[in-house]
N, C-alpha and C. Protein backbone atom coordinates (compact mmCIF):
# COMPACT_ATOMS: atom_id res chain seq x y z
N UNK A 1 70.46 77.24 57.27
CA UNK A 1 71.00 77.82 56.11
C UNK A 1 71.99 78.19 57.06
N UNK A 2 73.52 78.39 57.07
CA UNK A 2 74.52 79.11 57.71
C UNK A 2 75.15 80.10 56.95
N UNK A 3 75.52 81.41 57.64
CA UNK A 3 76.17 82.45 56.64
C UNK A 3 77.40 82.77 57.70
N UNK A 4 78.17 83.15 57.11
CA UNK A 4 79.51 83.44 57.68
C UNK A 4 79.61 84.68 58.85
N UNK A 5 79.92 84.57 59.69
CA UNK A 5 79.92 85.35 61.21
C UNK A 5 81.00 86.50 61.10
N UNK A 6 80.23 87.62 60.88
CA UNK A 6 81.09 88.87 61.14
C UNK A 6 80.63 89.98 61.78
N UNK A 7 81.16 90.88 62.08
CA UNK A 7 80.50 91.88 63.10
C UNK A 7 80.55 93.29 62.29
N UNK A 8 79.41 94.15 62.29
CA UNK A 8 79.30 95.41 61.26
C UNK A 8 79.85 96.39 62.28
N UNK A 9 80.94 96.75 62.74
CA UNK A 9 81.38 98.08 63.32
C UNK A 9 81.16 99.36 62.80
N UNK A 10 80.71 100.36 63.63
CA UNK A 10 80.23 101.46 63.04
C UNK A 10 80.85 102.58 63.95
N UNK A 11 81.75 103.58 63.29
CA UNK A 11 82.36 104.76 63.78
C UNK A 11 81.82 105.79 64.15
N UNK A 12 81.79 106.32 65.43
CA UNK A 12 81.13 107.66 66.14
C UNK A 12 82.07 108.57 65.78
N UNK A 13 81.95 109.49 64.89
CA UNK A 13 82.90 110.83 64.46
C UNK A 13 82.40 112.13 64.60
N UNK A 14 83.05 112.94 64.46
CA UNK A 14 82.61 114.17 64.65
C UNK A 14 82.37 115.30 65.67
N UNK A 15 81.49 116.01 65.87
CA UNK A 15 80.95 116.89 66.98
C UNK A 15 79.95 116.56 67.04
N UNK A 16 79.32 116.72 68.22
CA UNK A 16 77.87 116.63 69.11
C UNK A 16 77.43 115.63 68.71
N UNK A 17 78.23 114.50 68.77
CA UNK A 17 77.87 112.89 68.48
C UNK A 17 76.84 112.50 67.42
N UNK A 18 77.27 113.33 66.42
CA UNK A 18 76.81 113.09 65.13
C UNK A 18 77.35 111.77 64.45
N UNK A 19 76.57 110.90 64.03
CA UNK A 19 77.00 109.46 63.27
C UNK A 19 77.33 110.17 61.82
N UNK A 20 78.33 109.70 61.11
CA UNK A 20 79.01 110.24 60.00
C UNK A 20 79.24 109.02 59.31
N UNK A 21 78.32 109.28 57.85
CA UNK A 21 78.32 107.95 57.08
C UNK A 21 79.45 107.78 56.08
N UNK A 22 80.01 106.64 55.72
CA UNK A 22 81.13 106.29 55.29
C UNK A 22 81.19 107.16 53.74
N UNK A 23 82.14 107.34 53.53
CA UNK A 23 82.37 107.66 52.20
C UNK A 23 82.56 106.69 50.91
N UNK A 24 81.56 107.04 50.17
CA UNK A 24 81.80 105.83 49.03
C UNK A 24 83.12 106.38 47.97
N UNK A 25 83.61 105.09 47.83
CA UNK A 25 84.50 104.97 46.81
C UNK A 25 84.37 105.35 45.36
N UNK A 26 84.93 106.04 44.55
CA UNK A 26 84.51 106.54 43.32
C UNK A 26 85.65 106.05 42.16
N UNK A 27 84.97 105.30 40.85
CA UNK A 27 85.78 104.91 39.57
C UNK A 27 85.78 105.87 38.97
N UNK A 28 84.50 107.08 38.81
CA UNK A 28 84.66 108.10 37.72
C UNK A 28 84.94 109.28 37.89
N UNK A 29 85.17 109.98 37.29
CA UNK A 29 85.83 111.61 37.34
C UNK A 29 83.81 111.92 38.01
N UNK A 30 83.10 111.49 37.20
CA UNK A 30 81.65 111.99 37.63
C UNK A 30 80.86 110.72 37.21
N UNK A 31 80.33 110.42 38.52
CA UNK A 31 79.76 109.29 38.53
C UNK A 31 78.34 109.07 37.57
N UNK A 32 78.17 108.24 36.92
CA UNK A 32 76.58 108.04 36.15
C UNK A 32 75.70 107.82 37.51
N UNK A 33 74.77 108.17 36.53
CA UNK A 33 73.20 107.94 37.80
C UNK A 33 72.34 106.88 37.09
N UNK A 34 72.57 105.67 38.21
CA UNK A 34 71.59 104.50 37.67
C UNK A 34 70.43 104.30 38.18
N UNK A 35 70.20 105.32 39.07
CA UNK A 35 68.77 105.20 39.73
C UNK A 35 67.64 105.27 39.20
N UNK A 36 66.92 104.10 39.37
CA UNK A 36 65.60 104.02 38.98
C UNK A 36 64.10 103.48 40.03
N UNK A 37 63.27 103.77 39.41
CA UNK A 37 61.96 103.80 40.60
C UNK A 37 61.85 102.12 41.10
N UNK A 38 61.62 102.37 42.55
CA UNK A 38 61.33 100.84 43.20
C UNK A 38 60.85 100.00 42.58
N UNK A 39 60.95 98.57 42.71
CA UNK A 39 60.56 97.36 42.14
C UNK A 39 59.45 96.81 42.74
N UNK A 40 58.92 95.93 42.42
CA UNK A 40 57.88 95.36 43.22
C UNK A 40 58.14 93.43 42.92
N UNK A 41 58.96 93.64 41.65
CA UNK A 41 59.18 91.97 41.44
C UNK A 41 58.37 91.69 40.34
N UNK A 42 57.73 92.05 39.61
CA UNK A 42 56.94 91.88 38.54
C UNK A 42 57.33 92.37 37.29
N UNK A 43 58.44 93.39 37.18
CA UNK A 43 58.64 94.07 36.32
C UNK A 43 60.08 93.20 35.40
N UNK A 44 59.60 93.30 33.77
CA UNK A 44 60.75 92.14 33.10
C UNK A 44 62.10 92.86 33.17
N UNK A 45 63.07 91.88 33.39
CA UNK A 45 64.48 92.03 33.58
C UNK A 45 65.21 92.35 34.66
N UNK A 46 64.03 92.65 36.09
CA UNK A 46 64.46 92.35 37.62
C UNK A 46 64.81 91.42 38.03
N UNK A 47 63.91 90.23 37.92
CA UNK A 47 64.63 88.92 38.61
C UNK A 47 64.04 87.81 37.77
N UNK A 48 63.97 86.83 38.05
CA UNK A 48 63.81 85.41 37.32
C UNK A 48 62.16 85.36 37.52
N UNK A 49 61.49 85.34 36.18
CA UNK A 49 59.84 84.89 37.01
C UNK A 49 60.03 83.86 37.34
N UNK A 50 58.82 83.53 38.52
CA UNK A 50 58.68 82.36 39.36
C UNK A 50 56.96 82.22 39.35
N UNK A 51 56.59 81.72 38.08
CA UNK A 51 55.40 81.77 37.90
C UNK A 51 54.23 81.21 39.20
N UNK A 52 52.87 81.50 39.48
CA UNK A 52 52.68 81.11 40.75
C UNK A 52 52.68 81.88 41.89
N UNK A 53 54.26 82.39 42.00
CA UNK A 53 54.74 82.76 43.32
C UNK A 53 53.68 83.71 44.31
N UNK A 54 53.89 83.35 45.70
CA UNK A 54 53.01 84.20 46.40
C UNK A 54 53.67 85.56 46.57
N UNK A 55 53.03 86.34 47.25
CA UNK A 55 53.80 87.83 47.78
C UNK A 55 54.80 87.85 48.51
N UNK A 56 54.71 86.95 49.35
CA UNK A 56 55.73 86.43 50.27
C UNK A 56 56.92 86.10 49.55
N UNK A 57 56.67 85.12 48.57
CA UNK A 57 57.83 84.28 47.71
C UNK A 57 58.41 85.46 46.91
N UNK A 58 57.91 86.31 46.27
CA UNK A 58 58.10 87.17 45.77
C UNK A 58 59.09 87.96 46.40
N UNK A 59 59.14 88.63 47.38
CA UNK A 59 59.60 89.44 48.38
C UNK A 59 61.29 88.55 48.22
N UNK A 60 60.68 87.39 48.96
CA UNK A 60 61.87 86.45 48.97
C UNK A 60 62.94 86.71 47.98
N UNK A 61 62.13 86.54 46.64
CA UNK A 61 63.21 86.19 45.60
C UNK A 61 63.84 87.96 45.29
N UNK A 62 63.33 88.92 45.54
CA UNK A 62 63.91 89.99 45.57
C UNK A 62 65.14 90.08 46.33
N UNK A 63 64.91 89.82 47.47
CA UNK A 63 66.16 89.98 48.60
C UNK A 63 67.31 89.08 47.96
N UNK A 64 67.00 87.99 47.60
CA UNK A 64 67.59 86.75 47.20
C UNK A 64 68.62 86.97 46.20
N UNK A 65 67.47 87.85 45.10
CA UNK A 65 68.42 88.37 43.93
C UNK A 65 69.28 89.46 44.13
N UNK A 66 69.34 90.53 44.98
CA UNK A 66 69.94 91.49 45.52
C UNK A 66 71.25 90.68 46.19
N UNK A 67 71.15 89.81 47.13
CA UNK A 67 72.23 89.09 47.73
C UNK A 67 72.83 88.31 46.57
N UNK A 68 72.33 87.79 45.44
CA UNK A 68 73.39 87.08 44.56
C UNK A 68 74.47 88.38 43.86
N UNK A 69 73.52 89.60 43.72
CA UNK A 69 74.19 90.40 42.84
C UNK A 69 75.67 90.89 43.72
N UNK A 70 75.49 91.13 45.15
CA UNK A 70 76.55 91.65 45.70
C UNK A 70 77.29 90.61 46.23
N UNK A 71 76.84 89.31 45.91
CA UNK A 71 77.71 88.29 46.15
C UNK A 71 78.47 88.12 44.98
N UNK A 72 78.03 88.17 43.94
CA UNK A 72 78.66 88.62 42.25
C UNK A 72 79.66 89.54 42.59
N UNK A 73 79.18 90.85 43.20
CA UNK A 73 80.22 92.07 43.00
C UNK A 73 81.63 91.60 43.63
N UNK A 74 81.32 90.91 45.31
CA UNK A 74 82.09 90.59 45.91
C UNK A 74 83.38 89.87 45.45
N UNK A 75 82.96 89.19 44.15
CA UNK A 75 83.99 88.09 43.84
C UNK A 75 84.50 89.18 42.39
N UNK A 76 83.89 89.75 41.58
CA UNK A 76 84.29 90.18 40.54
C UNK A 76 85.08 91.75 41.02
N UNK A 77 84.56 92.08 41.66
CA UNK A 77 85.52 93.52 41.85
C UNK A 77 86.58 93.85 42.97
N UNK A 78 87.03 92.72 43.15
CA UNK A 78 88.33 93.05 43.98
C UNK A 78 89.45 93.41 43.33
N UNK A 79 89.20 94.15 42.05
CA UNK A 79 90.60 94.96 41.30
C UNK A 79 90.26 96.21 42.08
N UNK A 80 89.54 96.71 42.81
CA UNK A 80 88.96 97.78 43.45
C UNK A 80 88.82 97.99 45.05
N UNK A 81 89.69 97.34 45.95
CA UNK A 81 89.72 97.28 47.26
C UNK A 81 89.11 98.51 48.07
N UNK A 82 88.99 99.45 47.52
CA UNK A 82 88.51 100.74 47.96
C UNK A 82 86.73 100.54 48.06
N UNK A 83 86.55 99.69 47.40
CA UNK A 83 84.91 99.52 47.06
C UNK A 83 84.09 98.81 48.45
N UNK A 84 85.31 97.94 48.72
CA UNK A 84 85.02 97.22 50.00
C UNK A 84 83.87 96.25 49.69
N UNK A 85 83.45 95.40 48.35
CA UNK A 85 82.67 95.02 47.81
C UNK A 85 82.67 93.20 48.94
N UNK A 86 83.92 93.02 49.31
CA UNK A 86 84.21 91.77 50.09
C UNK A 86 83.35 91.67 51.41
N UNK A 87 83.82 93.08 52.48
CA UNK A 87 83.61 93.21 53.31
C UNK A 87 82.07 93.47 53.79
N UNK A 88 81.75 94.40 52.43
CA UNK A 88 80.32 94.67 52.59
C UNK A 88 79.09 93.26 52.55
N UNK A 89 79.71 92.52 51.74
CA UNK A 89 78.85 91.21 51.50
C UNK A 89 79.02 90.09 52.55
N UNK A 90 80.10 89.96 53.25
CA UNK A 90 80.09 89.36 54.33
C UNK A 90 79.88 89.76 55.64
N UNK A 91 79.88 91.11 55.82
CA UNK A 91 79.01 91.76 56.82
C UNK A 91 77.60 91.59 56.66
N UNK A 92 76.93 91.91 55.70
CA UNK A 92 75.76 91.52 55.41
C UNK A 92 75.25 90.44 55.81
N UNK A 93 75.93 89.47 55.18
CA UNK A 93 75.43 87.94 55.45
C UNK A 93 75.21 87.71 57.07
N UNK A 94 75.61 88.51 57.82
CA UNK A 94 75.67 88.50 59.49
C UNK A 94 74.71 89.45 59.84
N UNK A 95 74.38 90.29 59.44
CA UNK A 95 73.76 91.42 59.67
C UNK A 95 72.01 91.10 59.38
N UNK A 96 72.06 90.37 58.13
CA UNK A 96 70.67 89.94 58.00
C UNK A 96 70.57 88.47 57.88
N UNK A 97 71.04 87.90 58.75
CA UNK A 97 71.06 86.23 58.70
C UNK A 97 69.83 85.68 58.45
N UNK A 98 68.85 86.18 59.57
CA UNK A 98 68.00 85.74 59.81
C UNK A 98 66.66 86.11 58.82
N UNK A 99 66.71 87.26 58.07
CA UNK A 99 66.04 87.43 56.95
C UNK A 99 66.44 86.58 55.83
N UNK A 100 67.55 86.26 55.71
CA UNK A 100 68.30 85.73 54.48
C UNK A 100 67.84 84.25 54.59
N UNK A 101 67.50 83.56 55.73
CA UNK A 101 67.70 81.91 56.19
C UNK A 101 65.89 81.91 56.13
N UNK A 102 65.27 83.06 56.32
CA UNK A 102 63.74 82.62 56.14
C UNK A 102 63.60 82.62 54.67
N UNK A 103 63.81 83.86 54.06
CA UNK A 103 63.99 84.19 52.92
C UNK A 103 64.39 82.97 51.54
N UNK A 104 65.48 81.96 52.01
CA UNK A 104 65.84 80.85 51.49
C UNK A 104 65.00 79.51 51.61
N UNK A 105 64.27 79.40 52.78
CA UNK A 105 63.22 78.77 52.84
C UNK A 105 62.01 78.88 52.56
N UNK A 106 62.07 80.00 52.01
CA UNK A 106 60.84 80.70 51.30
C UNK A 106 60.47 80.12 49.68
N UNK A 107 61.81 80.18 49.21
CA UNK A 107 61.96 80.19 48.01
C UNK A 107 62.07 78.40 47.84
N UNK A 108 62.75 77.84 48.69
CA UNK A 108 62.91 76.45 48.55
C UNK A 108 61.49 75.79 48.48
N UNK A 109 60.62 76.07 49.25
CA UNK A 109 59.29 75.75 49.51
C UNK A 109 58.33 76.12 48.13
N UNK A 110 58.90 76.92 47.62
CA UNK A 110 58.25 77.62 46.32
C UNK A 110 58.81 76.41 45.22
N UNK A 111 59.66 75.86 45.30
CA UNK A 111 59.96 74.89 44.13
C UNK A 111 59.73 73.43 44.53
N UNK A 112 59.31 73.23 45.67
CA UNK A 112 58.60 72.15 46.57
C UNK A 112 57.40 72.26 45.87
N UNK A 113 56.84 73.15 46.25
CA UNK A 113 55.49 73.27 45.82
C UNK A 113 55.05 73.82 44.30
N UNK A 114 55.46 73.87 43.77
CA UNK A 114 55.71 74.14 42.05
C UNK A 114 56.15 72.79 41.31
N UNK A 115 56.78 71.91 42.11
CA UNK A 115 57.57 70.80 41.14
C UNK A 115 56.69 69.66 40.55
N UNK A 116 55.35 69.58 40.94
CA UNK A 116 54.19 68.67 40.67
C UNK A 116 54.33 67.50 41.27
N UNK A 117 53.06 66.70 41.52
CA UNK A 117 53.01 65.64 42.34
C UNK A 117 53.97 64.31 41.89
N UNK A 118 54.78 63.89 42.60
CA UNK A 118 55.31 63.04 42.37
C UNK A 118 57.04 62.96 42.57
N UNK A 119 57.22 64.64 42.24
CA UNK A 119 58.73 65.29 41.76
C UNK A 119 59.49 64.75 43.33
N UNK A 120 60.73 64.32 42.81
CA UNK A 120 61.49 63.72 43.86
C UNK A 120 62.20 65.04 44.21
N UNK A 121 63.11 64.89 45.67
CA UNK A 121 63.70 65.78 46.13
C UNK A 121 64.69 66.34 45.48
N UNK A 122 65.20 65.26 44.38
CA UNK A 122 66.42 65.47 43.59
C UNK A 122 66.08 66.63 42.61
N UNK A 123 65.09 66.21 41.88
CA UNK A 123 64.70 67.40 40.92
C UNK A 123 63.95 68.48 41.24
N UNK A 124 63.60 68.75 42.97
CA UNK A 124 63.05 69.80 43.53
C UNK A 124 64.64 70.79 43.38
N UNK A 125 65.70 70.11 43.73
CA UNK A 125 66.84 70.56 44.03
C UNK A 125 67.79 71.24 42.89
N UNK A 126 67.39 70.52 42.13
CA UNK A 126 67.77 70.70 40.69
C UNK A 126 67.40 71.95 39.99
N UNK A 127 65.91 72.30 40.30
CA UNK A 127 65.20 73.29 39.73
C UNK A 127 65.55 74.44 40.57
N UNK A 128 65.91 74.41 41.69
CA UNK A 128 66.19 75.66 42.72
C UNK A 128 68.05 75.61 42.50
N UNK A 129 68.29 74.76 42.23
CA UNK A 129 69.88 74.91 41.59
C UNK A 129 69.89 76.00 40.32
N UNK A 130 69.12 75.55 39.24
CA UNK A 130 69.25 76.15 38.02
C UNK A 130 68.55 77.62 38.26
N UNK A 131 67.69 77.99 39.10
CA UNK A 131 67.23 79.12 39.39
C UNK A 131 68.41 80.15 40.16
N UNK A 132 69.10 79.34 40.83
CA UNK A 132 70.49 80.47 41.82
C UNK A 132 71.42 80.60 40.23
N UNK A 133 71.57 79.71 39.75
CA UNK A 133 72.60 79.63 38.63
C UNK A 133 72.18 80.74 37.51
N UNK A 134 71.14 80.88 36.95
CA UNK A 134 70.46 82.08 36.28
C UNK A 134 70.60 83.41 37.22
N UNK A 135 70.28 83.50 38.32
CA UNK A 135 70.30 84.49 39.27
C UNK A 135 71.44 84.89 39.04
N UNK A 136 72.85 84.09 39.26
CA UNK A 136 73.94 84.97 39.29
C UNK A 136 74.38 85.35 37.90
N UNK A 137 74.10 84.32 36.92
CA UNK A 137 74.80 84.76 35.50
C UNK A 137 73.99 86.07 34.76
N UNK A 138 73.02 86.46 35.49
CA UNK A 138 72.38 87.72 35.23
C UNK A 138 73.25 88.84 35.23
N UNK A 139 73.98 88.76 36.68
CA UNK A 139 74.75 90.08 36.77
C UNK A 139 76.01 89.93 36.05
N UNK A 140 76.29 88.89 35.16
CA UNK A 140 77.44 88.80 34.57
C UNK A 140 77.60 90.07 33.45
N UNK A 141 78.96 90.67 33.78
CA UNK A 141 79.34 91.53 32.98
C UNK A 141 80.65 92.17 32.52
N UNK A 142 81.07 92.40 31.47
CA UNK A 142 82.43 92.90 30.85
C UNK A 142 82.63 94.36 30.95
N UNK A 143 81.46 94.95 29.99
CA UNK A 143 82.21 96.21 29.66
C UNK A 143 81.35 97.16 30.66
N UNK A 144 80.30 96.57 31.24
CA UNK A 144 80.05 97.71 32.52
C UNK A 144 80.74 97.53 33.57
N UNK A 145 82.01 96.88 33.80
CA UNK A 145 82.45 96.50 35.44
C UNK A 145 82.50 97.44 36.26
N UNK A 146 83.03 98.63 35.66
CA UNK A 146 83.23 99.81 36.84
C UNK A 146 81.98 100.47 37.65
N UNK A 147 80.99 100.65 36.33
CA UNK A 147 79.79 100.90 36.83
C UNK A 147 79.21 100.19 38.09
N UNK A 148 79.11 98.90 37.35
CA UNK A 148 78.79 97.86 38.35
C UNK A 148 79.21 97.42 39.59
N UNK A 149 80.30 97.59 39.88
CA UNK A 149 81.14 97.49 41.08
C UNK A 149 80.68 99.20 41.88
N UNK A 150 80.72 99.97 41.34
CA UNK A 150 80.85 101.19 42.02
C UNK A 150 78.88 101.19 42.80
N UNK A 151 78.44 100.86 41.92
CA UNK A 151 77.08 100.68 42.37
C UNK A 151 76.61 99.80 43.44
N UNK A 152 77.19 98.46 43.25
CA UNK A 152 77.07 97.42 44.10
C UNK A 152 77.92 97.66 45.67
N UNK A 153 78.64 98.38 45.12
CA UNK A 153 79.49 99.29 46.88
C UNK A 153 78.23 99.98 47.32
N UNK A 154 77.67 100.69 47.00
CA UNK A 154 77.02 101.71 47.47
C UNK A 154 75.52 101.08 47.76
N UNK A 155 75.29 100.61 47.24
CA UNK A 155 74.04 99.63 47.66
C UNK A 155 74.54 98.58 48.99
N UNK A 156 75.69 97.88 48.58
CA UNK A 156 76.27 97.28 50.17
C UNK A 156 76.03 97.90 51.39
N UNK A 157 76.69 99.42 51.13
CA UNK A 157 76.61 99.90 52.50
C UNK A 157 75.30 100.29 52.71
N UNK A 158 74.98 100.63 51.67
CA UNK A 158 72.98 101.16 52.27
C UNK A 158 72.41 100.05 52.94
N UNK A 159 72.76 98.70 52.35
CA UNK A 159 71.89 97.57 53.13
C UNK A 159 72.56 97.55 54.64
N UNK A 160 73.88 97.68 54.95
CA UNK A 160 74.39 97.57 56.16
C UNK A 160 73.99 98.60 57.42
N UNK A 161 73.17 99.65 56.55
CA UNK A 161 72.71 100.53 57.49
C UNK A 161 71.24 100.70 57.97
N UNK A 162 70.47 99.30 57.24
CA UNK A 162 68.91 99.07 57.13
C UNK A 162 69.00 98.29 58.48
N UNK A 163 67.76 98.18 59.43
CA UNK A 163 67.61 97.62 60.67
C UNK A 163 67.50 96.22 60.29
N UNK A 164 68.48 95.20 61.47
CA UNK A 164 68.06 94.01 61.01
C UNK A 164 66.58 93.17 60.33
N UNK A 165 66.60 92.53 59.28
CA UNK A 165 65.57 92.26 58.86
C UNK A 165 64.67 92.98 58.06
N UNK A 166 65.58 94.11 57.63
CA UNK A 166 64.63 95.02 56.47
C UNK A 166 65.74 95.04 55.27
N UNK A 167 66.37 94.37 55.04
CA UNK A 167 67.00 93.86 53.75
C UNK A 167 66.10 93.84 52.44
N UNK A 168 64.90 93.73 52.70
CA UNK A 168 63.83 93.78 51.55
C UNK A 168 63.71 95.22 51.26
N UNK A 169 63.78 96.28 52.42
CA UNK A 169 63.55 97.74 51.76
C UNK A 169 64.40 98.16 50.63
N UNK A 170 65.92 97.63 50.94
CA UNK A 170 67.41 97.92 49.94
C UNK A 170 66.48 97.17 48.55
N UNK A 171 66.31 96.07 48.96
CA UNK A 171 65.73 95.29 47.52
C UNK A 171 65.10 95.78 46.66
N UNK A 172 63.58 96.14 47.12
CA UNK A 172 62.72 97.55 46.47
C UNK A 172 63.30 98.46 45.95
N UNK A 173 63.94 99.15 46.48
CA UNK A 173 64.55 100.57 46.15
C UNK A 173 65.66 100.38 45.68
N UNK A 174 66.73 99.35 45.42
CA UNK A 174 67.38 99.67 44.54
C UNK A 174 68.00 98.30 43.77
N UNK A 175 67.06 97.47 43.57
CA UNK A 175 67.35 96.31 42.70
C UNK A 175 67.35 96.92 41.21
N UNK A 176 66.21 98.03 40.83
CA UNK A 176 66.71 98.32 39.68
C UNK A 176 67.85 98.83 39.15
N UNK A 177 68.22 99.85 40.28
CA UNK A 177 69.56 100.38 40.09
C UNK A 177 71.00 99.55 39.58
N UNK A 178 70.91 98.48 40.10
CA UNK A 178 71.70 97.72 40.27
C UNK A 178 71.83 97.12 38.92
N UNK A 179 70.55 96.57 38.47
CA UNK A 179 70.27 96.39 36.94
C UNK A 179 70.80 97.28 36.01
N UNK A 180 70.52 98.49 36.30
CA UNK A 180 70.76 99.17 35.30
C UNK A 180 72.03 99.58 35.32
N UNK A 181 72.88 99.12 36.06
CA UNK A 181 74.45 99.42 36.07
C UNK A 181 75.04 98.50 35.43
N UNK A 182 74.66 97.35 34.66
CA UNK A 182 74.88 96.63 33.97
C UNK A 182 74.93 97.05 32.45
N UNK A 183 74.52 98.28 32.58
CA UNK A 183 74.92 99.16 30.82
C UNK A 183 76.06 99.48 31.15
N UNK A 184 76.68 99.59 30.10
CA UNK A 184 77.93 100.39 30.17
C UNK A 184 77.89 102.07 29.64
N UNK A 185 78.60 102.66 30.73
CA UNK A 185 78.48 103.96 30.69
C UNK A 185 79.87 104.75 31.02
N UNK A 186 80.37 105.34 30.05
CA UNK A 186 81.38 106.11 30.26
C UNK A 186 81.81 107.19 31.31
N UNK A 187 82.82 107.73 31.38
CA UNK A 187 83.02 109.19 31.87
C UNK A 187 82.48 110.14 31.01
N UNK A 188 82.53 110.12 29.17
CA UNK A 188 82.51 111.52 28.93
C UNK A 188 81.17 111.67 28.44
N UNK A 189 80.62 110.86 27.71
CA UNK A 189 78.92 110.83 27.25
C UNK A 189 78.34 109.58 27.37
N UNK A 190 77.57 109.82 28.54
CA UNK A 190 76.62 108.25 28.79
C UNK A 190 75.45 107.99 27.62
N UNK A 191 75.21 109.22 27.12
CA UNK A 191 74.09 108.76 25.93
C UNK A 191 74.68 108.00 25.18
N UNK A 192 75.99 108.17 24.62
CA UNK A 192 76.50 106.89 23.56
C UNK A 192 76.67 105.66 24.09
N UNK A 193 76.20 105.18 25.33
CA UNK A 193 76.58 104.08 25.97
C UNK A 193 75.77 102.81 24.91
N UNK A 194 76.53 101.66 24.51
CA UNK A 194 75.92 100.82 23.88
C UNK A 194 74.68 100.14 24.87
N UNK A 195 73.70 99.28 23.94
CA UNK A 195 73.04 98.57 25.09
C UNK A 195 73.89 97.20 25.08
N UNK A 196 73.27 96.61 26.47
CA UNK A 196 73.83 95.25 26.81
C UNK A 196 72.69 94.73 27.13
N UNK A 197 72.67 93.10 26.56
CA UNK A 197 71.67 92.03 27.02
C UNK A 197 71.88 91.38 28.62
N UNK A 198 70.71 91.72 29.26
CA UNK A 198 70.84 90.64 30.46
C UNK A 198 70.98 89.41 30.48
N UNK A 199 72.09 88.90 31.40
CA UNK A 199 72.06 87.46 31.00
C UNK A 199 70.81 86.62 31.84
N UNK A 200 69.63 87.18 32.03
CA UNK A 200 68.59 86.57 32.40
C UNK A 200 67.93 85.91 31.29
N UNK A 201 68.26 86.04 29.91
CA UNK A 201 67.71 85.49 29.01
C UNK A 201 68.22 83.91 29.04
N UNK A 202 67.47 82.69 29.02
CA UNK A 202 67.84 81.70 28.92
C UNK A 202 68.73 81.07 28.28
N UNK A 203 68.75 81.53 26.78
CA UNK A 203 69.71 81.14 25.92
C UNK A 203 71.04 81.68 26.50
N UNK A 204 71.61 82.43 27.14
CA UNK A 204 72.49 82.94 27.76
C UNK A 204 73.36 81.75 28.40
N UNK A 205 74.55 81.29 28.14
CA UNK A 205 75.39 80.21 28.84
C UNK A 205 75.23 80.55 30.51
N UNK A 206 74.69 79.79 31.33
CA UNK A 206 74.80 79.92 32.99
C UNK A 206 75.95 78.98 33.68
N UNK A 207 76.11 79.21 34.63
CA UNK A 207 76.98 78.57 35.79
C UNK A 207 76.48 77.12 35.83
N UNK A 208 77.35 76.09 35.76
CA UNK A 208 76.99 74.93 36.08
C UNK A 208 77.07 74.82 37.70
N UNK A 209 75.82 74.00 38.28
CA UNK A 209 75.74 73.63 39.68
C UNK A 209 77.06 73.41 40.54
N UNK A 210 78.13 72.81 39.91
CA UNK A 210 79.36 73.08 40.71
C UNK A 210 79.95 74.31 41.31
N UNK A 211 79.77 75.30 40.50
CA UNK A 211 80.00 76.77 40.90
C UNK A 211 79.38 77.44 42.03
N UNK A 212 78.62 76.22 42.81
CA UNK A 212 78.03 77.12 43.94
C UNK A 212 78.53 76.19 45.26
N UNK A 213 78.55 77.03 46.37
CA UNK A 213 78.84 76.07 47.43
C UNK A 213 77.78 75.72 48.26
N UNK A 214 77.97 75.12 49.49
CA UNK A 214 76.53 74.55 49.90
C UNK A 214 75.78 75.91 50.48
N UNK A 215 76.16 76.76 50.64
CA UNK A 215 75.37 78.21 51.19
C UNK A 215 74.70 78.84 49.63
N UNK A 216 74.89 78.19 48.44
CA UNK A 216 74.19 79.09 47.31
C UNK A 216 75.23 79.80 46.80
N UNK A 217 76.45 80.30 47.59
CA UNK A 217 77.10 81.70 46.74
C UNK A 217 78.10 80.91 45.73
N UNK A 218 78.46 82.21 44.95
CA UNK A 218 79.46 81.55 43.28
C UNK A 218 80.77 81.25 44.39
N UNK A 219 81.09 80.52 43.51
CA UNK A 219 82.94 79.85 43.70
C UNK A 219 83.67 81.06 42.91
N UNK A 220 84.84 81.63 43.59
CA UNK A 220 85.71 82.52 43.04
C UNK A 220 86.44 81.89 41.83
N UNK A 221 86.56 80.36 41.81
CA UNK A 221 87.15 79.86 40.67
C UNK A 221 86.66 80.10 38.99
N UNK A 222 84.74 80.40 39.28
CA UNK A 222 84.00 80.19 38.23
C UNK A 222 84.25 81.54 37.20
N UNK A 223 84.39 82.86 38.00
CA UNK A 223 84.64 84.02 37.59
C UNK A 223 85.49 84.29 36.37
N UNK A 224 86.27 83.42 36.26
CA UNK A 224 86.83 83.20 35.16
C UNK A 224 86.11 83.07 33.47
N UNK A 225 84.89 82.28 33.65
CA UNK A 225 84.03 82.44 32.87
C UNK A 225 83.40 83.81 32.06
N UNK A 226 83.40 84.93 32.71
CA UNK A 226 83.47 86.29 32.30
C UNK A 226 84.50 86.27 31.16
């Protein structure tokens, strides 16, 4: 699996050789707190259930789900260029390319292993496509776009600061936060926020396979389905 090639540049600023972290863009006067406990991949509403998955496959799905969410943000959050969701995502593909390629193969292996005896390659591919479709659709939001986009921006920056091969650390630590950001929270009183149903529910319409390119990325033309 190939990913777009971009380099991550880090600017050294300040005195005494200190590394200055990039400032986070803000879409709120007072940003809501979406933080939550780290996840293992077994919690409801975090990832698409994969029955019989090994611990390695579960870790791979956590990373792949985080990637899907950040890819979705790269397309959905371009109304606020200061969030840099596009640049964050493109740089993440390069910085963590080996880990993502390994996780991709692990997930392909899961669907091949669980497809059943005599399953055709087309059937295996269809199952994997369906999984990708539901993963992307689970990040679809209209009312909570501001919170989701700002959170995705922050998580994307954090992922770039992790050493190569350590994207799973960000996935375990912050995937719940990304899920929490799909709930509408206003600037005035977050306690009055109405609940929002995650699109993990299989009854929610999902993106068709034609909405994904060969890398498994969601095509921009399909964002109008929101």
